[in-house]
Amino acid sequence: MKRVITYGTFDMLHYGHINLLRRAKEQGDYLIVALSTDEFNWQEKHKRTYFEFEKRKQLLEAIRYVDLVIPEESWEQKVSDMTLYHVDTFVMGDDWQGEFDYLADQTDVEVIYLPRTPEVSTTQIKQDLQNG
């Protein structure tokens, strides 16, 4: 079984997220989503989520492409997650291009950056609603 992992906040879930999850799942048989906790989002990413962690987790678990949701609590956990969950492929959106290449060397996983859905993003949705 080929295991794939991706990471993210997945706040204000939209079809761009679904596209990314579908394409991530196409890279293997089992998709793990490491979902950023509220604390990690605030303390490390300096962003506030609209939906709290448990609500975002429920939404992700309802998506047919997602097999397991785990909490992302630090940047450093990625290396240990690869071993702990027997990951074969690490997938992120291409806006992170090159940022996680070190995982291929440190953990022997394949690192893939998938194109984002260009016309939609959570940031854009928030801006559009604010300017509404």
N, C-alpha and C. Protein backbone atom coordinates (compact mmCIF):
# COMPACT_ATOMS: atom_id res chain seq x y z
N MET A 1 0.84 -1.19 0.00
CA MET A 1 0.00 0.00 0.00
C MET A 1 0.88 1.24 0.00
N LYS A 2 0.61 2.15 -0.92
CA LYS A 2 1.37 3.39 -1.02
C LYS A 2 0.66 4.48 -0.21
N ARG A 3 1.39 5.03 0.77
CA ARG A 3 0.82 6.05 1.66
C ARG A 3 1.30 7.45 1.26
N VAL A 4 0.34 8.36 1.25
CA VAL A 4 0.58 9.74 0.85
C VAL A 4 0.19 10.64 2.03
N ILE A 5 0.95 11.71 2.22
CA ILE A 5 0.60 12.68 3.27
C ILE A 5 0.64 14.09 2.71
N THR A 6 -0.26 14.92 3.20
CA THR A 6 -0.24 16.35 2.90
C THR A 6 -0.54 17.11 4.18
N TYR A 7 -0.20 18.37 4.19
CA TYR A 7 -0.36 19.22 5.37
C TYR A 7 -1.11 20.48 5.01
N GLY A 8 -1.86 21.01 5.96
CA GLY A 8 -2.53 22.27 5.71
C GLY A 8 -3.50 22.67 6.80
N THR A 9 -4.05 23.86 6.63
CA THR A 9 -5.02 24.42 7.57
C THR A 9 -6.43 24.04 7.18
N PHE A 10 -6.73 24.06 5.89
CA PHE A 10 -8.03 23.68 5.35
C PHE A 10 -9.18 24.39 6.05
N ASP A 11 -9.01 25.70 6.22
CA ASP A 11 -10.07 26.52 6.79
C ASP A 11 -10.95 27.01 5.64
N MET A 12 -12.20 27.21 5.91
CA MET A 12 -13.14 27.65 4.88
C MET A 12 -13.01 26.77 3.64
N LEU A 13 -13.23 25.49 3.85
CA LEU A 13 -13.05 24.47 2.82
C LEU A 13 -13.75 24.85 1.52
N HIS A 14 -13.02 24.73 0.39
CA HIS A 14 -13.58 25.08 -0.92
C HIS A 14 -13.12 24.08 -1.96
N TYR A 15 -13.59 24.24 -3.20
CA TYR A 15 -13.30 23.25 -4.24
C TYR A 15 -11.83 23.16 -4.60
N GLY A 16 -11.04 24.19 -4.34
CA GLY A 16 -9.59 24.11 -4.54
C GLY A 16 -8.97 23.11 -3.59
N HIS A 17 -9.45 23.10 -2.34
CA HIS A 17 -8.99 22.10 -1.37
C HIS A 17 -9.35 20.69 -1.84
N ILE A 18 -10.58 20.54 -2.30
CA ILE A 18 -11.04 19.22 -2.77
C ILE A 18 -10.19 18.75 -3.94
N ASN A 19 -9.90 19.65 -4.88
CA ASN A 19 -9.05 19.29 -6.02
C ASN A 19 -7.68 18.82 -5.54
N LEU A 20 -7.09 19.53 -4.60
CA LEU A 20 -5.77 19.16 -4.07
C LEU A 20 -5.82 17.79 -3.40
N LEU A 21 -6.85 17.55 -2.59
CA LEU A 21 -6.97 16.26 -1.90
C LEU A 21 -7.20 15.12 -2.88
N ARG A 22 -8.00 15.36 -3.91
CA ARG A 22 -8.24 14.33 -4.92
C ARG A 22 -6.95 13.98 -5.64
N ARG A 23 -6.21 15.00 -6.04
CA ARG A 23 -4.96 14.76 -6.77
C ARG A 23 -3.89 14.14 -5.86
N ALA A 24 -3.91 14.49 -4.59
CA ALA A 24 -2.98 13.87 -3.64
C ALA A 24 -3.31 12.38 -3.49
N LYS A 25 -4.58 12.06 -3.38
CA LYS A 25 -5.00 10.66 -3.24
C LYS A 25 -4.62 9.86 -4.49
N GLU A 26 -4.64 10.48 -5.65
CA GLU A 26 -4.26 9.80 -6.89
C GLU A 26 -2.80 9.36 -6.90
N GLN A 27 -1.99 9.91 -5.97
CA GLN A 27 -0.57 9.55 -5.89
C GLN A 27 -0.33 8.24 -5.16
N GLY A 28 -1.39 7.69 -4.55
CA GLY A 28 -1.22 6.46 -3.78
C GLY A 28 -2.54 5.82 -3.42
N ASP A 29 -2.50 5.01 -2.37
CA ASP A 29 -3.68 4.24 -1.95
C ASP A 29 -4.33 4.78 -0.68
N TYR A 30 -3.56 5.48 0.14
CA TYR A 30 -4.02 5.88 1.47
C TYR A 30 -3.55 7.31 1.70
N LEU A 31 -4.50 8.23 1.96
CA LEU A 31 -4.16 9.64 2.13
C LEU A 31 -4.30 10.07 3.58
N ILE A 32 -3.21 10.57 4.11
CA ILE A 32 -3.17 11.14 5.46
C ILE A 32 -3.11 12.65 5.32
N VAL A 33 -3.97 13.35 6.05
CA VAL A 33 -3.95 14.81 6.07
C VAL A 33 -3.52 15.25 7.46
N ALA A 34 -2.40 15.96 7.52
CA ALA A 34 -1.94 16.55 8.78
C ALA A 34 -2.56 17.95 8.84
N LEU A 35 -3.49 18.11 9.74
CA LEU A 35 -4.28 19.34 9.85
C LEU A 35 -3.68 20.24 10.93
N SER A 36 -3.32 21.45 10.54
CA SER A 36 -2.72 22.40 11.48
C SER A 36 -3.67 22.70 12.63
N THR A 37 -3.16 22.57 13.85
CA THR A 37 -3.97 22.89 15.03
C THR A 37 -4.17 24.40 15.12
N ASP A 38 -5.14 24.81 15.91
CA ASP A 38 -5.40 26.23 16.11
C ASP A 38 -4.17 26.92 16.69
N GLU A 39 -3.52 26.26 17.66
CA GLU A 39 -2.35 26.84 18.31
C GLU A 39 -1.19 26.99 17.33
N PHE A 40 -0.95 25.97 16.51
CA PHE A 40 0.12 26.03 15.52
C PHE A 40 -0.15 27.13 14.50
N ASN A 41 -1.39 27.23 14.05
CA ASN A 41 -1.75 28.28 13.10
C ASN A 41 -1.46 29.67 13.68
N TRP A 42 -1.83 29.87 14.94
CA TRP A 42 -1.66 31.19 15.53
C TRP A 42 -0.21 31.48 15.88
N GLN A 43 0.45 30.54 16.56
CA GLN A 43 1.80 30.79 17.07
C GLN A 43 2.88 30.73 16.00
N GLU A 44 2.73 29.85 15.03
CA GLU A 44 3.79 29.66 14.02
C GLU A 44 3.46 30.27 12.66
N LYS A 45 2.21 30.16 12.25
CA LYS A 45 1.83 30.68 10.93
C LYS A 45 1.26 32.09 11.03
N HIS A 46 0.97 32.53 12.24
CA HIS A 46 0.43 33.87 12.51
C HIS A 46 -0.87 34.13 11.75
N LYS A 47 -1.73 33.10 11.76
CA LYS A 47 -3.05 33.30 11.16
C LYS A 47 -4.12 32.66 12.03
N ARG A 48 -5.25 33.31 12.05
CA ARG A 48 -6.40 32.86 12.82
C ARG A 48 -7.34 32.12 11.88
N THR A 49 -7.89 31.02 12.35
CA THR A 49 -8.84 30.28 11.52
C THR A 49 -10.26 30.68 11.87
N TYR A 50 -11.13 30.52 10.90
CA TYR A 50 -12.55 30.77 11.14
C TYR A 50 -13.16 29.60 11.89
N PHE A 51 -12.83 28.39 11.44
CA PHE A 51 -13.33 27.17 12.10
C PHE A 51 -12.25 26.60 13.00
N GLU A 52 -12.66 26.15 14.18
CA GLU A 52 -11.70 25.54 15.11
C GLU A 52 -11.28 24.16 14.58
N PHE A 53 -10.19 23.64 15.15
CA PHE A 53 -9.58 22.40 14.69
C PHE A 53 -10.58 21.26 14.55
N GLU A 54 -11.38 21.00 15.57
CA GLU A 54 -12.30 19.85 15.54
C GLU A 54 -13.31 19.95 14.40
N LYS A 55 -13.78 21.15 14.11
CA LYS A 55 -14.73 21.34 13.00
C LYS A 55 -14.04 21.10 11.66
N ARG A 56 -12.82 21.64 11.51
CA ARG A 56 -12.07 21.41 10.27
C ARG A 56 -11.75 19.93 10.10
N LYS A 57 -11.45 19.26 11.19
CA LYS A 57 -11.16 17.82 11.16
C LYS A 57 -12.40 17.04 10.70
N GLN A 58 -13.56 17.38 11.23
CA GLN A 58 -14.81 16.72 10.82
C GLN A 58 -15.07 16.89 9.33
N LEU A 59 -14.84 18.08 8.83
CA LEU A 59 -15.04 18.33 7.40
C LEU A 59 -14.11 17.46 6.56
N LEU A 60 -12.83 17.41 6.93
CA LEU A 60 -11.87 16.60 6.18
C LEU A 60 -12.21 15.11 6.24
N GLU A 61 -12.63 14.64 7.40
CA GLU A 61 -12.96 13.22 7.55
C GLU A 61 -14.17 12.82 6.71
N ALA A 62 -14.99 13.79 6.34
CA ALA A 62 -16.17 13.49 5.52
C ALA A 62 -15.84 13.41 4.02
N ILE A 63 -14.63 13.76 3.65
CA ILE A 63 -14.23 13.74 2.24
C ILE A 63 -13.73 12.35 1.88
N ARG A 64 -14.24 11.80 0.82
CA ARG A 64 -13.94 10.41 0.47
C ARG A 64 -12.48 10.15 0.13
N TYR A 65 -11.73 11.16 -0.24
CA TYR A 65 -10.33 10.97 -0.58
C TYR A 65 -9.44 10.83 0.66
N VAL A 66 -9.92 11.29 1.80
CA VAL A 66 -9.13 11.35 3.03
C VAL A 66 -9.34 10.08 3.86
N ASP A 67 -8.23 9.42 4.18
CA ASP A 67 -8.31 8.20 4.98
C ASP A 67 -8.03 8.43 6.46
N LEU A 68 -7.17 9.40 6.77
CA LEU A 68 -6.81 9.66 8.16
C LEU A 68 -6.45 11.13 8.32
N VAL A 69 -6.92 11.75 9.42
CA VAL A 69 -6.56 13.13 9.74
C VAL A 69 -5.79 13.10 11.05
N ILE A 70 -4.60 13.71 11.04
CA ILE A 70 -3.78 13.80 12.25
C ILE A 70 -3.50 15.29 12.52
N PRO A 71 -3.18 15.65 13.77
CA PRO A 71 -2.88 17.05 14.05
C PRO A 71 -1.45 17.42 13.63
N GLU A 72 -1.30 18.62 13.04
CA GLU A 72 0.02 19.18 12.80
C GLU A 72 0.26 20.22 13.88
N GLU A 73 1.28 19.97 14.71
CA GLU A 73 1.53 20.83 15.86
C GLU A 73 2.85 21.58 15.77
N SER A 74 3.70 21.21 14.80
CA SER A 74 4.99 21.91 14.63
C SER A 74 5.52 21.67 13.23
N TRP A 75 6.41 22.58 12.79
CA TRP A 75 7.05 22.40 11.48
C TRP A 75 7.93 21.15 11.50
N GLU A 76 8.56 20.89 12.64
CA GLU A 76 9.54 19.82 12.75
C GLU A 76 8.94 18.42 12.70
N GLN A 77 7.66 18.28 12.96
CA GLN A 77 7.07 16.93 13.04
C GLN A 77 7.03 16.22 11.69
N LYS A 78 7.20 16.95 10.60
CA LYS A 78 7.12 16.32 9.28
C LYS A 78 8.09 15.15 9.15
N VAL A 79 9.31 15.32 9.61
CA VAL A 79 10.31 14.25 9.50
C VAL A 79 9.85 13.01 10.27
N SER A 80 9.40 13.18 11.49
CA SER A 80 8.97 12.01 12.28
C SER A 80 7.67 11.41 11.75
N ASP A 81 6.79 12.24 11.18
CA ASP A 81 5.54 11.72 10.60
C ASP A 81 5.82 10.74 9.46
N MET A 82 6.85 11.02 8.66
CA MET A 82 7.17 10.14 7.53
C MET A 82 7.45 8.72 8.00
N THR A 83 8.16 8.60 9.11
CA THR A 83 8.49 7.28 9.68
C THR A 83 7.30 6.70 10.42
N LEU A 84 6.70 7.50 11.28
CA LEU A 84 5.60 7.03 12.13
C LEU A 84 4.43 6.47 11.32
N TYR A 85 4.12 7.12 10.20
CA TYR A 85 2.97 6.72 9.39
C TYR A 85 3.37 5.95 8.12
N HIS A 86 4.66 5.58 8.01
CA HIS A 86 5.15 4.79 6.88
C HIS A 86 4.80 5.43 5.54
N VAL A 87 5.11 6.71 5.43
CA VAL A 87 4.74 7.51 4.26
C VAL A 87 5.70 7.25 3.10
N ASP A 88 5.13 7.11 1.91
CA ASP A 88 5.90 6.95 0.68
C ASP A 88 6.02 8.26 -0.10
N THR A 89 4.96 9.09 -0.05
CA THR A 89 4.91 10.29 -0.86
C THR A 89 4.39 11.47 -0.04
N PHE A 90 5.10 12.58 -0.11
CA PHE A 90 4.73 13.82 0.55
C PHE A 90 4.22 14.77 -0.55
N VAL A 91 3.03 15.31 -0.37
CA VAL A 91 2.41 16.17 -1.38
C VAL A 91 2.05 17.52 -0.77
N MET A 92 2.40 18.59 -1.50
CA MET A 92 1.98 19.94 -1.11
C MET A 92 1.63 20.72 -2.36
N GLY A 93 0.94 21.83 -2.16
CA GLY A 93 0.64 22.73 -3.27
C GLY A 93 1.91 23.39 -3.77
N ASP A 94 1.92 23.76 -5.03
CA ASP A 94 3.14 24.30 -5.62
C ASP A 94 3.52 25.70 -5.14
N ASP A 95 2.68 26.30 -4.33
CA ASP A 95 3.08 27.56 -3.71
C ASP A 95 4.17 27.33 -2.65
N TRP A 96 4.42 26.07 -2.30
CA TRP A 96 5.47 25.68 -1.37
C TRP A 96 6.68 25.08 -2.12
N GLN A 97 6.72 25.22 -3.43
CA GLN A 97 7.76 24.62 -4.27
C GLN A 97 9.16 24.76 -3.64
N GLY A 98 9.83 23.62 -3.45
CA GLY A 98 11.19 23.59 -2.95
C GLY A 98 11.34 23.63 -1.44
N GLU A 99 10.30 24.05 -0.72
CA GLU A 99 10.39 24.22 0.73
C GLU A 99 10.60 22.91 1.50
N PHE A 100 10.13 21.81 0.93
CA PHE A 100 10.19 20.55 1.66
C PHE A 100 11.03 19.49 0.95
N ASP A 101 11.88 19.92 0.04
CA ASP A 101 12.75 18.98 -0.67
C ASP A 101 13.65 18.20 0.28
N TYR A 102 14.00 18.80 1.42
CA TYR A 102 14.85 18.13 2.39
C TYR A 102 14.27 16.80 2.88
N LEU A 103 12.94 16.66 2.81
CA LEU A 103 12.30 15.42 3.27
C LEU A 103 12.73 14.22 2.43
N ALA A 104 12.98 14.45 1.14
CA ALA A 104 13.41 13.35 0.27
C ALA A 104 14.76 12.81 0.73
N ASP A 105 15.65 13.69 1.16
CA ASP A 105 16.97 13.27 1.64
C ASP A 105 16.92 12.67 3.04
N GLN A 106 16.17 13.30 3.92
CA GLN A 106 16.14 12.87 5.32
C GLN A 106 15.28 11.65 5.57
N THR A 107 14.27 11.41 4.74
CA THR A 107 13.33 10.33 5.04
C THR A 107 13.11 9.37 3.89
N ASP A 108 13.69 9.64 2.75
CA ASP A 108 13.54 8.77 1.58
C ASP A 108 12.11 8.70 1.05
N VAL A 109 11.35 9.80 1.20
CA VAL A 109 10.01 9.87 0.61
C VAL A 109 10.10 10.64 -0.70
N GLU A 110 9.15 10.39 -1.58
CA GLU A 110 9.02 11.17 -2.80
C GLU A 110 8.30 12.47 -2.44
N VAL A 111 8.81 13.60 -2.90
CA VAL A 111 8.20 14.90 -2.63
C VAL A 111 7.61 15.42 -3.93
N ILE A 112 6.30 15.70 -3.90
CA ILE A 112 5.58 16.17 -5.08
C ILE A 112 4.87 17.48 -4.74
N TYR A 113 5.01 18.47 -5.63
CA TYR A 113 4.29 19.74 -5.50
C TYR A 113 3.24 19.79 -6.60
N LEU A 114 1.98 19.85 -6.19
CA LEU A 114 0.87 19.88 -7.15
C LEU A 114 0.41 21.30 -7.40
N PRO A 115 0.02 21.61 -8.64
CA PRO A 115 -0.50 22.95 -8.94
C PRO A 115 -1.78 23.23 -8.15
N ARG A 116 -1.87 24.44 -7.65
CA ARG A 116 -3.09 24.87 -6.96
C ARG A 116 -4.17 25.15 -8.00
N THR A 117 -5.41 25.17 -7.55
CA THR A 117 -6.51 25.60 -8.40
C THR A 117 -6.39 27.13 -8.48
N PRO A 118 -6.04 27.66 -9.63
CA PRO A 118 -5.61 29.07 -9.70
C PRO A 118 -6.66 30.11 -9.35
N GLU A 119 -7.92 29.82 -9.60
CA GLU A 119 -8.92 30.88 -9.44
C GLU A 119 -9.55 30.94 -8.05
N VAL A 120 -9.08 30.11 -7.11
CA VAL A 120 -9.68 30.14 -5.78
C VAL A 120 -8.62 29.92 -4.70
N SER A 121 -8.77 30.66 -3.61
CA SER A 121 -7.94 30.47 -2.42
C SER A 121 -8.72 31.00 -1.22
N THR A 122 -8.40 30.49 -0.05
CA THR A 122 -9.06 30.97 1.17
C THR A 122 -8.77 32.45 1.36
N THR A 123 -7.54 32.86 1.11
CA THR A 123 -7.17 34.27 1.25
C THR A 123 -8.02 35.14 0.34
N GLN A 124 -8.20 34.70 -0.91
CA GLN A 124 -9.00 35.48 -1.86
C GLN A 124 -10.47 35.55 -1.43
N ILE A 125 -11.00 34.43 -0.94
CA ILE A 125 -12.40 34.40 -0.48
C ILE A 125 -12.58 35.40 0.67
N LYS A 126 -11.65 35.40 1.64
CA LYS A 126 -11.74 36.33 2.76
C LYS A 126 -11.68 37.78 2.29
N GLN A 127 -10.78 38.06 1.34
CA GLN A 127 -10.66 39.42 0.81
C GLN A 127 -11.93 39.85 0.08
N ASP A 128 -12.46 38.93 -0.74
CA ASP A 128 -13.69 39.24 -1.49
C ASP A 128 -14.86 39.52 -0.55
N LEU A 129 -14.98 38.74 0.51
CA LEU A 129 -16.06 38.94 1.47
C LEU A 129 -15.89 40.26 2.21
N GLN A 130 -14.65 40.61 2.53
CA GLN A 130 -14.40 41.85 3.24
C GLN A 130 -14.69 43.08 2.39
N ASN A 131 -14.38 42.96 1.09
CA ASN A 131 -14.59 44.09 0.18
C ASN A 131 -16.00 44.13 -0.39
N GLY A 132 -16.74 43.02 -0.17
CA GLY A 132 -18.05 42.76 -0.66
C GLY A 132 -18.93 43.83 -1.02
